[in-house]
Each structure stands twice: as C-alpha cells, then as structure tokens.
PDB file of N, CA and C in Angstrom:
ATOM      1  N   UNK A   1     102.505 110.433  92.617  1.00  0.00           N
ATOM      2  CA  UNK A   1     103.458 110.208  91.559  1.00  0.00           C
ATOM      3  C   UNK A   1     104.677 109.503  92.151  1.00  0.00           C
ATOM      4  N   UNK A   2     105.099 108.440  91.482  1.00  0.00           N
ATOM      5  CA  UNK A   2     106.272 107.678  91.907  1.00  0.00           C
ATOM      6  C   UNK A   2     107.535 108.422  91.474  1.00  0.00           C
ATOM      7  N   UNK A   3     108.655 108.012  92.035  1.00  0.00           N
ATOM      8  CA  UNK A   3     109.927 108.629  91.695  1.00  0.00           C
ATOM      9  C   UNK A   3     110.625 107.827  90.587  1.00  0.00           C
ATOM     10  N   UNK A   4     111.675 108.404  90.036  1.00  0.00           N
ATOM     11  CA  UNK A   4     112.472 107.718  89.024  1.00  0.00           C
ATOM     12  C   UNK A   4     113.073 106.449  89.621  1.00  0.00           C
ATOM     13  N   UNK A   5     113.575 106.545  90.851  1.00  0.00           N
ATOM     14  CA  UNK A   5     114.162 105.368  91.498  1.00  0.00           C
ATOM     15  C   UNK A   5     113.132 104.266  91.703  1.00  0.00           C
ATOM     16  N   UNK A   6     111.907 104.615  92.068  1.00  0.00           N
ATOM     17  CA  UNK A   6     110.858 103.613  92.239  1.00  0.00           C
ATOM     18  C   UNK A   6     110.511 102.947  90.904  1.00  0.00           C
ATOM     19  N   UNK A   7     110.503 103.705  89.833  1.00  0.00           N
ATOM     20  CA  UNK A   7     110.247 103.140  88.507  1.00  0.00           C
ATOM     21  C   UNK A   7     111.376 102.206  88.084  1.00  0.00           C
ATOM     22  N   UNK A   8     112.608 102.627  88.341  1.00  0.00           N
ATOM     23  CA  UNK A   8     113.763 101.793  88.021  1.00  0.00           C
ATOM     24  C   UNK A   8     113.686 100.478  88.799  1.00  0.00           C
ATOM     25  N   UNK A   9     113.347 100.580  90.085  1.00  0.00           N
ATOM     26  CA  UNK A   9     113.232  99.378  90.910  1.00  0.00           C
ATOM     27  C   UNK A   9     112.103  98.482  90.434  1.00  0.00           C
ATOM     28  N   UNK A  10     111.008  99.076  89.988  1.00  0.00           N
ATOM     29  CA  UNK A  10     109.887  98.299  89.462  1.00  0.00           C
ATOM     30  C   UNK A  10     110.302  97.489  88.246  1.00  0.00           C
ATOM     31  N   UNK A  11     111.110  98.076  87.390  1.00  0.00           N
ATOM     32  CA  UNK A  11     111.599  97.338  86.213  1.00  0.00           C
ATOM     33  C   UNK A  11     112.538  96.213  86.618  1.00  0.00           C
ATOM     34  N   UNK A  12     113.365  96.435  87.632  1.00  0.00           N
ATOM     35  CA  UNK A  12     114.234  95.368  88.114  1.00  0.00           C
ATOM     36  C   UNK A  12     113.410  94.249  88.762  1.00  0.00           C
ATOM     37  N   UNK A  13     112.345  94.613  89.475  1.00  0.00           N
ATOM     38  CA  UNK A  13     111.449  93.616  90.061  1.00  0.00           C
ATOM     39  C   UNK A  13     110.758  92.806  88.959  1.00  0.00           C
ATOM     40  N   UNK A  14     110.341  93.498  87.895  1.00  0.00           N
ATOM     41  CA  UNK A  14     109.729  92.811  86.751  1.00  0.00           C
ATOM     42  C   UNK A  14     110.729  91.860  86.113  1.00  0.00           C
ATOM     43  N   UNK A  15     111.974  92.287  86.009  1.00  0.00           N
ATOM     44  CA  UNK A  15     113.015  91.420  85.436  1.00  0.00           C
ATOM     45  C   UNK A  15     113.172  90.145  86.257  1.00  0.00           C
ATOM     46  N   UNK A  16     113.139  90.268  87.583  1.00  0.00           N
ATOM     47  CA  UNK A  16     113.247  89.099  88.454  1.00  0.00           C
ATOM     48  C   UNK A  16     112.043  88.167  88.270  1.00  0.00           C
ATOM     49  N   UNK A  17     110.860  88.750  88.147  1.00  0.00           N
ATOM     50  CA  UNK A  17     109.642  87.966  87.943  1.00  0.00           C
ATOM     51  C   UNK A  17     109.703  87.216  86.609  1.00  0.00           C
ATOM     52  N   UNK A  18     110.136  87.891  85.559  1.00  0.00           N
ATOM     53  CA  UNK A  18     110.243  87.270  84.246  1.00  0.00           C
ATOM     54  C   UNK A  18     111.289  86.159  84.249  1.00  0.00           C
ATOM     55  N   UNK A  19     112.386  86.367  84.970  1.00  0.00           N
ATOM     56  CA  UNK A  19     113.417  85.335  85.061  1.00  0.00           C
ATOM     57  C   UNK A  19     112.870  84.087  85.734  1.00  0.00           C
ATOM     58  N   UNK A  20     112.079  84.271  86.784  1.00  0.00           N
ATOM     59  CA  UNK A  20     111.466  83.128  87.468  1.00  0.00           C
ATOM     60  C   UNK A  20     110.474  82.422  86.558  1.00  0.00           C
ATOM     61  N   UNK A  21     109.692  83.205  85.798  1.00  0.00           N
ATOM     62  CA  UNK A  21     108.746  82.611  84.844  1.00  0.00           C
ATOM     63  C   UNK A  21     109.481  81.842  83.753  1.00  0.00           C
ATOM     64  N   UNK A  22     110.592  82.364  83.293  1.00  0.00           N
ATOM     65  CA  UNK A  22     111.359  81.696  82.236  1.00  0.00           C
ATOM     66  C   UNK A  22     111.881  80.355  82.715  1.00  0.00           C
ATOM     67  N   UNK A  23     112.232  80.281  83.998  1.00  0.00           N
ATOM     68  CA  UNK A  23     112.728  79.022  84.556  1.00  0.00           C
ATOM     69  C   UNK A  23     111.630  77.955  84.567  1.00  0.00           C
ATOM     70  N   UNK A  24     110.407  78.356  84.911  1.00  0.00           N
ATOM     71  CA  UNK A  24     109.320  77.390  85.034  1.00  0.00           C
ATOM     72  C   UNK A  24     108.600  77.111  83.714  1.00  0.00           C
ATOM     73  N   UNK A  25     108.513  78.107  82.832  1.00  0.00           N
ATOM     74  CA  UNK A  25     107.747  77.956  81.602  1.00  0.00           C
ATOM     75  C   UNK A  25     108.631  77.690  80.387  1.00  0.00           C
ATOM     76  N   UNK A  26     109.910  77.772  80.546  1.00  0.00           N
ATOM     77  CA  UNK A  26     110.798  77.592  79.405  1.00  0.00           C
ATOM     78  C   UNK A  26     111.028  78.906  78.699  1.00  0.00           C
ATOM     79  N   UNK A  27     111.999  78.907  77.819  1.00  0.00           N
ATOM     80  CA  UNK A  27     112.362  80.131  77.116  1.00  0.00           C
ATOM     81  C   UNK A  27     111.321  80.498  76.063  1.00  0.00           C
ATOM     82  N   UNK A  28     111.123  81.765  75.902  1.00  0.00           N
ATOM     83  CA  UNK A  28     110.221  82.293  74.889  1.00  0.00           C
ATOM     84  C   UNK A  28     111.061  82.840  73.745  1.00  0.00           C
ATOM     85  N   UNK A  29     110.693  82.519  72.543  1.00  0.00           N
ATOM     86  CA  UNK A  29     111.450  82.952  71.373  1.00  0.00           C
ATOM     87  C   UNK A  29     111.133  84.425  71.074  1.00  0.00           C
ATOM     88  N   UNK A  30     111.770  85.303  71.830  1.00  0.00           N
ATOM     89  CA  UNK A  30     111.560  86.728  71.658  1.00  0.00           C
ATOM     90  C   UNK A  30     112.854  87.429  72.035  1.00  0.00           C
ATOM     91  N   UNK A  31     113.450  88.104  71.092  1.00  0.00           N
ATOM     92  CA  UNK A  31     114.685  88.838  71.332  1.00  0.00           C
ATOM     93  C   UNK A  31     114.517  90.229  70.739  1.00  0.00           C
ATOM     94  N   UNK A  32     114.136  91.185  71.584  1.00  0.00           N
ATOM     95  CA  UNK A  32     113.810  92.531  71.131  1.00  0.00           C
ATOM     96  C   UNK A  32     114.336  93.569  72.119  1.00  0.00           C
ATOM     97  N   UNK A  33     114.580  94.759  71.596  1.00  0.00           N
ATOM     98  CA  UNK A  33     114.903  95.892  72.463  1.00  0.00           C
ATOM     99  C   UNK A  33     113.594  96.472  72.979  1.00  0.00           C
ATOM    100  N   UNK A  34     113.640  96.997  74.197  1.00  0.00           N
ATOM    101  CA  UNK A  34     112.460  97.546  74.849  1.00  0.00           C
ATOM    102  C   UNK A  34     112.779  98.923  75.402  1.00  0.00           C
ATOM    103  N   UNK A  35     111.894  99.864  75.146  1.00  0.00           N
ATOM    104  CA  UNK A  35     111.985 101.194  75.758  1.00  0.00           C
ATOM    105  C   UNK A  35     110.787 101.358  76.668  1.00  0.00           C
ATOM    106  N   UNK A  36     111.020 101.890  77.844  1.00  0.00           N
ATOM    107  CA  UNK A  36     109.947 102.182  78.790  1.00  0.00           C
ATOM    108  C   UNK A  36     109.973 103.686  79.045  1.00  0.00           C
ATOM    109  N   UNK A  37     108.951 104.361  78.566  1.00  0.00           N
ATOM    110  CA  UNK A  37     108.892 105.819  78.689  1.00  0.00           C
ATOM    111  C   UNK A  37     107.877 106.191  79.760  1.00  0.00           C
ATOM    112  N   UNK A  38     108.347 106.932  80.756  1.00  0.00           N
ATOM    113  CA  UNK A  38     107.525 107.329  81.891  1.00  0.00           C
ATOM    114  C   UNK A  38     107.114 108.779  81.661  1.00  0.00           C
ATOM    115  N   UNK A  39     105.854 108.968  81.298  1.00  0.00           N
ATOM    116  CA  UNK A  39     105.381 110.262  80.803  1.00  0.00           C
ATOM    117  C   UNK A  39     105.405 111.359  81.857  1.00  0.00           C
ATOM    118  N   UNK A  40     104.933 111.083  83.059  1.00  0.00           N
ATOM    119  CA  UNK A  40     104.833 112.160  84.041  1.00  0.00           C
ATOM    120  C   UNK A  40     106.181 112.560  84.647  1.00  0.00           C
ATOM    121  N   UNK A  41     107.170 111.713  84.526  1.00  0.00           N
ATOM    122  CA  UNK A  41     108.501 112.028  85.039  1.00  0.00           C
ATOM    123  C   UNK A  41     109.444 112.489  83.917  1.00  0.00           C
ATOM    124  N   UNK A  42     108.953 112.429  82.680  1.00  0.00           N
ATOM    125  CA  UNK A  42     109.758 112.791  81.517  1.00  0.00           C
ATOM    126  C   UNK A  42     111.114 112.087  81.532  1.00  0.00           C
ATOM    127  N   UNK A  43     111.052 110.773  81.781  1.00  0.00           N
ATOM    128  CA  UNK A  43     112.261 109.953  81.797  1.00  0.00           C
ATOM    129  C   UNK A  43     111.976 108.666  81.054  1.00  0.00           C
ATOM    130  N   UNK A  44     113.019 107.914  80.815  1.00  0.00           N
ATOM    131  CA  UNK A  44     112.862 106.650  80.106  1.00  0.00           C
ATOM    132  C   UNK A  44     113.949 105.685  80.535  1.00  0.00           C
ATOM    133  N   UNK A  45     113.684 104.419  80.255  1.00  0.00           N
ATOM    134  CA  UNK A  45     114.641 103.339  80.498  1.00  0.00           C
ATOM    135  C   UNK A  45     114.637 102.473  79.248  1.00  0.00           C
ATOM    136  N   UNK A  46     115.687 101.735  79.061  1.00  0.00           N
ATOM    137  CA  UNK A  46     115.666 100.766  77.977  1.00  0.00           C
ATOM    138  C   UNK A  46     116.349  99.484  78.446  1.00  0.00           C
ATOM    139  N   UNK A  47     115.983  98.399  77.768  1.00  0.00           N
ATOM    140  CA  UNK A  47     116.499  97.081  78.143  1.00  0.00           C
ATOM    141  C   UNK A  47     116.361  96.165  76.935  1.00  0.00           C
ATOM    142  N   UNK A  48     116.638  94.903  77.166  1.00  0.00           N
ATOM    143  CA  UNK A  48     116.522  93.901  76.107  1.00  0.00           C
ATOM    144  C   UNK A  48     115.698  92.741  76.665  1.00  0.00           C
ATOM    145  N   UNK A  49     114.704  92.315  75.882  1.00  0.00           N
ATOM    146  CA  UNK A  49     113.942  91.109  76.184  1.00  0.00           C
ATOM    147  C   UNK A  49     114.583  89.977  75.391  1.00  0.00           C
ATOM    148  N   UNK A  50     115.048  88.987  76.084  1.00  0.00           N
ATOM    149  CA  UNK A  50     115.663  87.849  75.406  1.00  0.00           C
ATOM    150  C   UNK A  50     115.382  86.573  76.169  1.00  0.00           C
ATOM    151  N   UNK A  51     114.871  85.574  75.458  1.00  0.00           N
ATOM    152  CA  UNK A  51     114.589  84.289  76.081  1.00  0.00           C
ATOM    153  C   UNK A  51     113.601  84.381  77.230  1.00  0.00           C
ATOM    154  N   UNK A  52     112.668  85.326  77.166  1.00  0.00           N
ATOM    155  CA  UNK A  52     111.695  85.492  78.242  1.00  0.00           C
ATOM    156  C   UNK A  52     112.227  86.260  79.436  1.00  0.00           C
ATOM    157  N   UNK A  53     113.406  86.830  79.313  1.00  0.00           N
ATOM    158  CA  UNK A  53     114.021  87.588  80.410  1.00  0.00           C
ATOM    159  C   UNK A  53     114.216  89.041  80.001  1.00  0.00           C
ATOM    160  N   UNK A  54     114.184  89.918  80.982  1.00  0.00           N
ATOM    161  CA  UNK A  54     114.452  91.339  80.772  1.00  0.00           C
ATOM    162  C   UNK A  54     115.849  91.618  81.326  1.00  0.00           C
ATOM    163  N   UNK A  55     116.772  91.985  80.449  1.00  0.00           N
ATOM    164  CA  UNK A  55     118.167  92.152  80.853  1.00  0.00           C
ATOM    165  C   UNK A  55     118.702  93.527  80.436  1.00  0.00           C
ATOM    166  N   UNK A  56     119.796  93.892  81.037  1.00  0.00           N
ATOM    167  CA  UNK A  56     120.515  95.128  80.689  1.00  0.00           C
ATOM    168  C   UNK A  56     119.645  96.379  80.824  1.00  0.00           C
ATOM    169  N   UNK A  57     118.944  96.514  81.936  1.00  0.00           N
ATOM    170  CA  UNK A  57     118.107  97.695  82.178  1.00  0.00           C
ATOM    171  C   UNK A  57     119.022  98.900  82.407  1.00  0.00           C
ATOM    172  N   UNK A  58     118.774  99.942  81.620  1.00  0.00           N
ATOM    173  CA  UNK A  58     119.621 101.130  81.652  1.00  0.00           C
ATOM    174  C   UNK A  58     118.761 102.376  81.583  1.00  0.00           C
ATOM    175  N   UNK A  59     119.205 103.446  82.203  1.00  0.00           N
ATOM    176  CA  UNK A  59     118.505 104.723  82.098  1.00  0.00           C
ATOM    177  C   UNK A  59     118.638 105.271  80.681  1.00  0.00           C
ATOM    178  N   UNK A  60     117.631 106.002  80.253  1.00  0.00           N
ATOM    179  CA  UNK A  60     117.673 106.645  78.945  1.00  0.00           C
ATOM    180  C   UNK A  60     116.774 105.937  77.951  1.00  0.00           C
ATOM    181  N   UNK A  61     116.375 106.671  76.952  1.00  0.00           N
ATOM    182  CA  UNK A  61     115.463 106.163  75.925  1.00  0.00           C
ATOM    183  C   UNK A  61     116.263 105.457  74.819  1.00  0.00           C
ATOM    184  N   UNK A  62     115.572 104.585  74.126  1.00  0.00           N
ATOM    185  CA  UNK A  62     116.113 103.970  72.911  1.00  0.00           C
ATOM    186  C   UNK A  62     115.072 104.197  71.813  1.00  0.00           C
ATOM    187  N   UNK A  63     115.217 105.247  71.032  1.00  0.00           N
ATOM    188  CA  UNK A  63     114.204 105.557  70.021  1.00  0.00           C
ATOM    189  C   UNK A  63     114.056 104.486  68.957  1.00  0.00           C
ATOM    190  N   UNK A  64     115.027 103.600  68.833  1.00  0.00           N
ATOM    191  CA  UNK A  64     114.948 102.528  67.840  1.00  0.00           C
ATOM    192  C   UNK A  64     114.432 101.214  68.424  1.00  0.00           C
ATOM    193  N   UNK A  65     113.986 101.230  69.681  1.00  0.00           N
ATOM    194  CA  UNK A  65     113.506 100.021  70.328  1.00  0.00           C
ATOM    195  C   UNK A  65     112.341  99.414  69.548  1.00  0.00           C
ATOM    196  N   UNK A  66     112.321  98.098  69.469  1.00  0.00           N
ATOM    197  CA  UNK A  66     111.264  97.385  68.745  1.00  0.00           C
ATOM    198  C   UNK A  66     109.954  97.363  69.525  1.00  0.00           C
ATOM    199  N   UNK A  67     110.046  97.473  70.862  1.00  0.00           N
ATOM    200  CA  UNK A  67     108.873  97.495  71.719  1.00  0.00           C
ATOM    201  C   UNK A  67     108.965  98.733  72.602  1.00  0.00           C
ATOM    202  N   UNK A  68     107.885  99.492  72.684  1.00  0.00           N
ATOM    203  CA  UNK A  68     107.852 100.687  73.540  1.00  0.00           C
ATOM    204  C   UNK A  68     106.663 100.597  74.487  1.00  0.00           C
ATOM    205  N   UNK A  69     106.941 100.717  75.773  1.00  0.00           N
ATOM    206  CA  UNK A  69     105.912 100.773  76.802  1.00  0.00           C
ATOM    207  C   UNK A  69     105.862 102.212  77.283  1.00  0.00           C
ATOM    208  N   UNK A  70     104.682 102.827  77.210  1.00  0.00           N
ATOM    209  CA  UNK A  70     104.521 104.223  77.588  1.00  0.00           C
ATOM    210  C   UNK A  70     103.473 104.281  78.688  1.00  0.00           C
ATOM    211  N   UNK A  71     103.866 104.825  79.842  1.00  0.00           N
ATOM    212  CA  UNK A  71     102.952 104.842  80.989  1.00  0.00           C
ATOM    213  C   UNK A  71     103.353 105.944  81.958  1.00  0.00           C
ATOM    214  N   UNK A  72     102.392 106.338  82.785  1.00  0.00           N
ATOM    215  CA  UNK A  72     102.682 107.226  83.913  1.00  0.00           C
ATOM    216  C   UNK A  72     103.371 106.396  84.990  1.00  0.00           C
ATOM    217  N   UNK A  73     104.093 107.044  85.873  1.00  0.00           N
ATOM    218  CA  UNK A  73     104.891 106.331  86.870  1.00  0.00           C
ATOM    219  C   UNK A  73     104.043 105.429  87.763  1.00  0.00           C
ATOM    220  N   UNK A  74     102.914 105.921  88.268  1.00  0.00           N
ATOM    221  CA  UNK A  74     102.073 105.104  89.137  1.00  0.00           C
ATOM    222  C   UNK A  74     101.500 103.903  88.393  1.00  0.00           C
ATOM    223  N   UNK A  75     101.160 104.073  87.132  1.00  0.00           N
ATOM    224  CA  UNK A  75     100.636 102.961  86.331  1.00  0.00           C
ATOM    225  C   UNK A  75     101.731 101.929  86.070  1.00  0.00           C
ATOM    226  N   UNK A  76     102.945 102.377  85.833  1.00  0.00           N
ATOM    227  CA  UNK A  76     104.067 101.456  85.636  1.00  0.00           C
ATOM    228  C   UNK A  76     104.267 100.599  86.878  1.00  0.00           C
ATOM    229  N   UNK A  77     104.266 101.232  88.028  1.00  0.00           N
ATOM    230  CA  UNK A  77     104.463 100.502  89.287  1.00  0.00           C
ATOM    231  C   UNK A  77     103.322  99.510  89.507  1.00  0.00           C
ATOM    232  N   UNK A  78     102.087  99.962  89.301  1.00  0.00           N
ATOM    233  CA  UNK A  78     100.930  99.075  89.477  1.00  0.00           C
ATOM    234  C   UNK A  78     100.985  97.895  88.506  1.00  0.00           C
ATOM    235  N   UNK A  79     101.423  98.147  87.296  1.00  0.00           N
ATOM    236  CA  UNK A  79     101.537  97.094  86.289  1.00  0.00           C
ATOM    237  C   UNK A  79     102.574  96.059  86.696  1.00  0.00           C
ATOM    238  N   UNK A  80     103.736  96.511  87.118  1.00  0.00           N
ATOM    239  CA  UNK A  80     104.807  95.583  87.465  1.00  0.00           C
ATOM    240  C   UNK A  80     104.507  94.826  88.769  1.00  0.00           C
ATOM    241  N   UNK A  81     103.673  95.403  89.628  1.00  0.00           N
ATOM    242  CA  UNK A  81     103.310  94.736  90.872  1.00  0.00           C
ATOM    243  C   UNK A  81     102.084  93.839  90.718  1.00  0.00           C
ATOM    244  N   UNK A  82     101.500  93.834  89.526  1.00  0.00           N
ATOM    245  CA  UNK A  82     100.335  92.978  89.281  1.00  0.00           C
ATOM    246  C   UNK A  82      99.024  93.565  89.738  1.00  0.00           C
ATOM    247  N   UNK A  83      99.011  94.826  90.152  1.00  0.00           N
ATOM    248  CA  UNK A  83      97.776  95.478  90.576  1.00  0.00           C
ATOM    249  C   UNK A  83      97.003  96.071  89.408  1.00  0.00           C
ATOM    250  N   UNK A  84      97.614  96.129  88.232  1.00  0.00           N
ATOM    251  CA  UNK A  84      96.996  96.671  87.030  1.00  0.00           C
ATOM    252  C   UNK A  84      97.082  95.626  85.936  1.00  0.00           C
ATOM    253  N   UNK A  85      95.944  95.205  85.440  1.00  0.00           N
ATOM    254  CA  UNK A  85      95.893  94.208  84.365  1.00  0.00           C
ATOM    255  C   UNK A  85      96.332  94.866  83.054  1.00  0.00           C
ATOM    256  N   UNK A  86      97.292  94.251  82.383  1.00  0.00           N
ATOM    257  CA  UNK A  86      97.867  94.857  81.178  1.00  0.00           C
ATOM    258  C   UNK A  86      96.824  95.005  80.071  1.00  0.00           C
ATOM    259  N   UNK A  87      95.961  94.023  79.897  1.00  0.00           N
ATOM    260  CA  UNK A  87      94.967  94.097  78.831  1.00  0.00           C
ATOM    261  C   UNK A  87      93.984  95.242  79.082  1.00  0.00           C
ATOM    262  N   UNK A  88      93.519  95.336  80.316  1.00  0.00           N
ATOM    263  CA  UNK A  88      92.591  96.444  80.652  1.00  0.00           C
ATOM    264  C   UNK A  88      93.274  97.798  80.572  1.00  0.00           C
ATOM    265  N   UNK A  89      94.513  97.850  80.984  1.00  0.00           N
ATOM    266  CA  UNK A  89      95.255  99.108  80.952  1.00  0.00           C
ATOM    267  C   UNK A  89      95.452  99.600  79.517  1.00  0.00           C
ATOM    268  N   UNK A  90      95.706  98.674  78.612  1.00  0.00           N
ATOM    269  CA  UNK A  90      95.853  99.049  77.208  1.00  0.00           C
ATOM    270  C   UNK A  90      94.519  99.478  76.636  1.00  0.00           C
ATOM    271  N   UNK A  91      93.475  98.697  76.937  1.00  0.00           N
ATOM    272  CA  UNK A  91      92.133  99.016  76.428  1.00  0.00           C
ATOM    273  C   UNK A  91      91.631 100.364  76.918  1.00  0.00           C
ATOM    274  N   UNK A  92      91.947 100.711  78.161  1.00  0.00           N
ATOM    275  CA  UNK A  92      91.500 101.990  78.728  1.00  0.00           C
ATOM    276  C   UNK A  92      92.486 103.127  78.445  1.00  0.00           C
ATOM    277  N   UNK A  93      93.558 102.806  77.745  1.00  0.00           N
ATOM    278  CA  UNK A  93      94.600 103.767  77.370  1.00  0.00           C
ATOM    279  C   UNK A  93      95.362 104.353  78.558  1.00  0.00           C
ATOM    280  N   UNK A  94      95.390 103.602  79.664  1.00  0.00           N
ATOM    281  CA  UNK A  94      96.231 104.001  80.785  1.00  0.00           C
ATOM    282  C   UNK A  94      97.695 103.838  80.409  1.00  0.00           C
ATOM    283  N   UNK A  95      97.964 102.777  79.672  1.00  0.00           N
ATOM    284  CA  UNK A  95      99.313 102.549  79.156  1.00  0.00           C
ATOM    285  C   UNK A  95      99.219 102.329  77.664  1.00  0.00           C
ATOM    286  N   UNK A  96     100.329 102.464  77.000  1.00  0.00           N
ATOM    287  CA  UNK A  96     100.396 102.229  75.564  1.00  0.00           C
ATOM    288  C   UNK A  96     101.588 101.316  75.295  1.00  0.00           C
ATOM    289  N   UNK A  97     101.372 100.325  74.448  1.00  0.00           N
ATOM    290  CA  UNK A  97     102.449  99.448  74.033  1.00  0.00           C
ATOM    291  C   UNK A  97     102.520  99.496  72.513  1.00  0.00           C
ATOM    292  N   UNK A  98     103.679  99.905  72.018  1.00  0.00           N
ATOM    293  CA  UNK A  98     103.880  99.958  70.571  1.00  0.00           C
ATOM    294  C   UNK A  98     104.815  98.813  70.201  1.00  0.00           C
ATOM    295  N   UNK A  99     104.270  97.890  69.408  1.00  0.00           N
ATOM    296  CA  UNK A  99     105.058  96.718  69.009  1.00  0.00           C
ATOM    297  C   UNK A  99     104.392  96.042  67.832  1.00  0.00           C
ATOM    298  N   UNK A 100     105.118  95.193  67.198  1.00  0.00           N
ATOM    299  CA  UNK A 100     104.614  94.351  66.150  1.00  0.00           C
ATOM    300  C   UNK A 100     103.505  93.457  66.760  1.00  0.00           C
ATOM    301  N   UNK A 101     102.399  93.229  66.055  1.00  0.00           N
ATOM    302  CA  UNK A 101     101.303  92.409  66.614  1.00  0.00           C
ATOM    303  C   UNK A 101     101.750  91.010  67.077  1.00  0.00           C
ATOM    304  N   UNK A 102     102.685  90.406  66.374  1.00  0.00           N
ATOM    305  CA  UNK A 102     103.172  89.089  66.778  1.00  0.00           C
ATOM    306  C   UNK A 102     103.957  89.178  68.083  1.00  0.00           C
ATOM    307  N   UNK A 103     104.704  90.263  68.251  1.00  0.00           N
ATOM    308  CA  UNK A 103     105.434  90.476  69.502  1.00  0.00           C
ATOM    309  C   UNK A 103     104.466  90.700  70.664  1.00  0.00           C
ATOM    310  N   UNK A 104     103.363  91.389  70.405  1.00  0.00           N
ATOM    311  CA  UNK A 104     102.358  91.606  71.456  1.00  0.00           C
ATOM    312  C   UNK A 104     101.795  90.281  71.938  1.00  0.00           C
ATOM    313  N   UNK A 105     101.536  89.368  71.037  1.00  0.00           N
ATOM    314  CA  UNK A 105     101.032  88.053  71.428  1.00  0.00           C
ATOM    315  C   UNK A 105     102.053  87.306  72.296  1.00  0.00           C
ATOM    316  N   UNK A 106     103.306  87.414  71.940  1.00  0.00           N
ATOM    317  CA  UNK A 106     104.357  86.766  72.736  1.00  0.00           C
ATOM    318  C   UNK A 106     104.501  87.432  74.105  1.00  0.00           C
ATOM    319  N   UNK A 107     104.375  88.761  74.133  1.00  0.00           N
ATOM    320  CA  UNK A 107     104.480  89.491  75.391  1.00  0.00           C
ATOM    321  C   UNK A 107     103.389  89.095  76.371  1.00  0.00           C
ATOM    322  N   UNK A 108     102.195  88.830  75.849  1.00  0.00           N
ATOM    323  CA  UNK A 108     101.084  88.410  76.726  1.00  0.00           C
ATOM    324  C   UNK A 108     101.449  87.162  77.515  1.00  0.00           C
ATOM    325  N   UNK A 109     102.206  86.278  76.906  1.00  0.00           N
ATOM    326  CA  UNK A 109     102.615  85.055  77.572  1.00  0.00           C
ATOM    327  C   UNK A 109     103.564  85.340  78.749  1.00  0.00           C
ATOM    328  N   UNK A 110     104.340  86.416  78.614  1.00  0.00           N
ATOM    329  CA  UNK A 110     105.278  86.768  79.685  1.00  0.00           C
ATOM    330  C   UNK A 110     104.570  87.322  80.907  1.00  0.00           C
ATOM    331  N   UNK A 111     103.537  88.104  80.690  1.00  0.00           N
ATOM    332  CA  UNK A 111     102.869  88.780  81.790  1.00  0.00           C
ATOM    333  C   UNK A 111     101.725  87.929  82.268  1.00  0.00           C
TER     334      UNK A 111
END
C-alpha cells in the first residue's frame, strides 16, 4: 500500500506529464473539477483540469467535482506511472471513473 504522500506526488507527476502533453498536442477543450478518491487510505485530493492541464492539486475531497477518479493507492500510482492501462483498469474495475460520457472521451486523449 502506498502512502498519502506518494499518492500526492503521483498526482503532481501526472500534472507535469499532462502539461508536457498540452505543449506538444495543443490545448484540449476541457475545463472540469476533478476529485481523486483513494479508497484504501480513506483520503482524497481535488484539482482542476483546464486546457489539458491538471492544476491546483489540493488535499481533500470535492463532492461536487464533475469528474471522480476512485482507486486504491497502488493502482493510482501504477496508473500515473503508465504501468496500468486506464481502459483495462476501468474494464476490470480496478479503478472507477465517474464522468459525463463526452468528458470520458476527452480524458482518453489526455492519457
């Protein structure tokens, strides 16, 4: 099981990766709040996805977030490091993503 600090760092690493992708692929028309709930640690983070970037990562849940990523700590780390394929993880129910179907299609482009 990963720690809260490792999960927080994984989200910051993901933010850096998305920022680099946004520079090369151009901005993505997606401006949504995001909650990341880590089930085995009973903790959460929230941030904002805007222009293909993940910004303002903060501890704590946002129950009104438009996009919710729910995962165990080890799965979150594997996902952000590219060791876990997001499509397979969703299909096998390792992780759960709650979002509008159109937002899910846009999110696929980011990852």
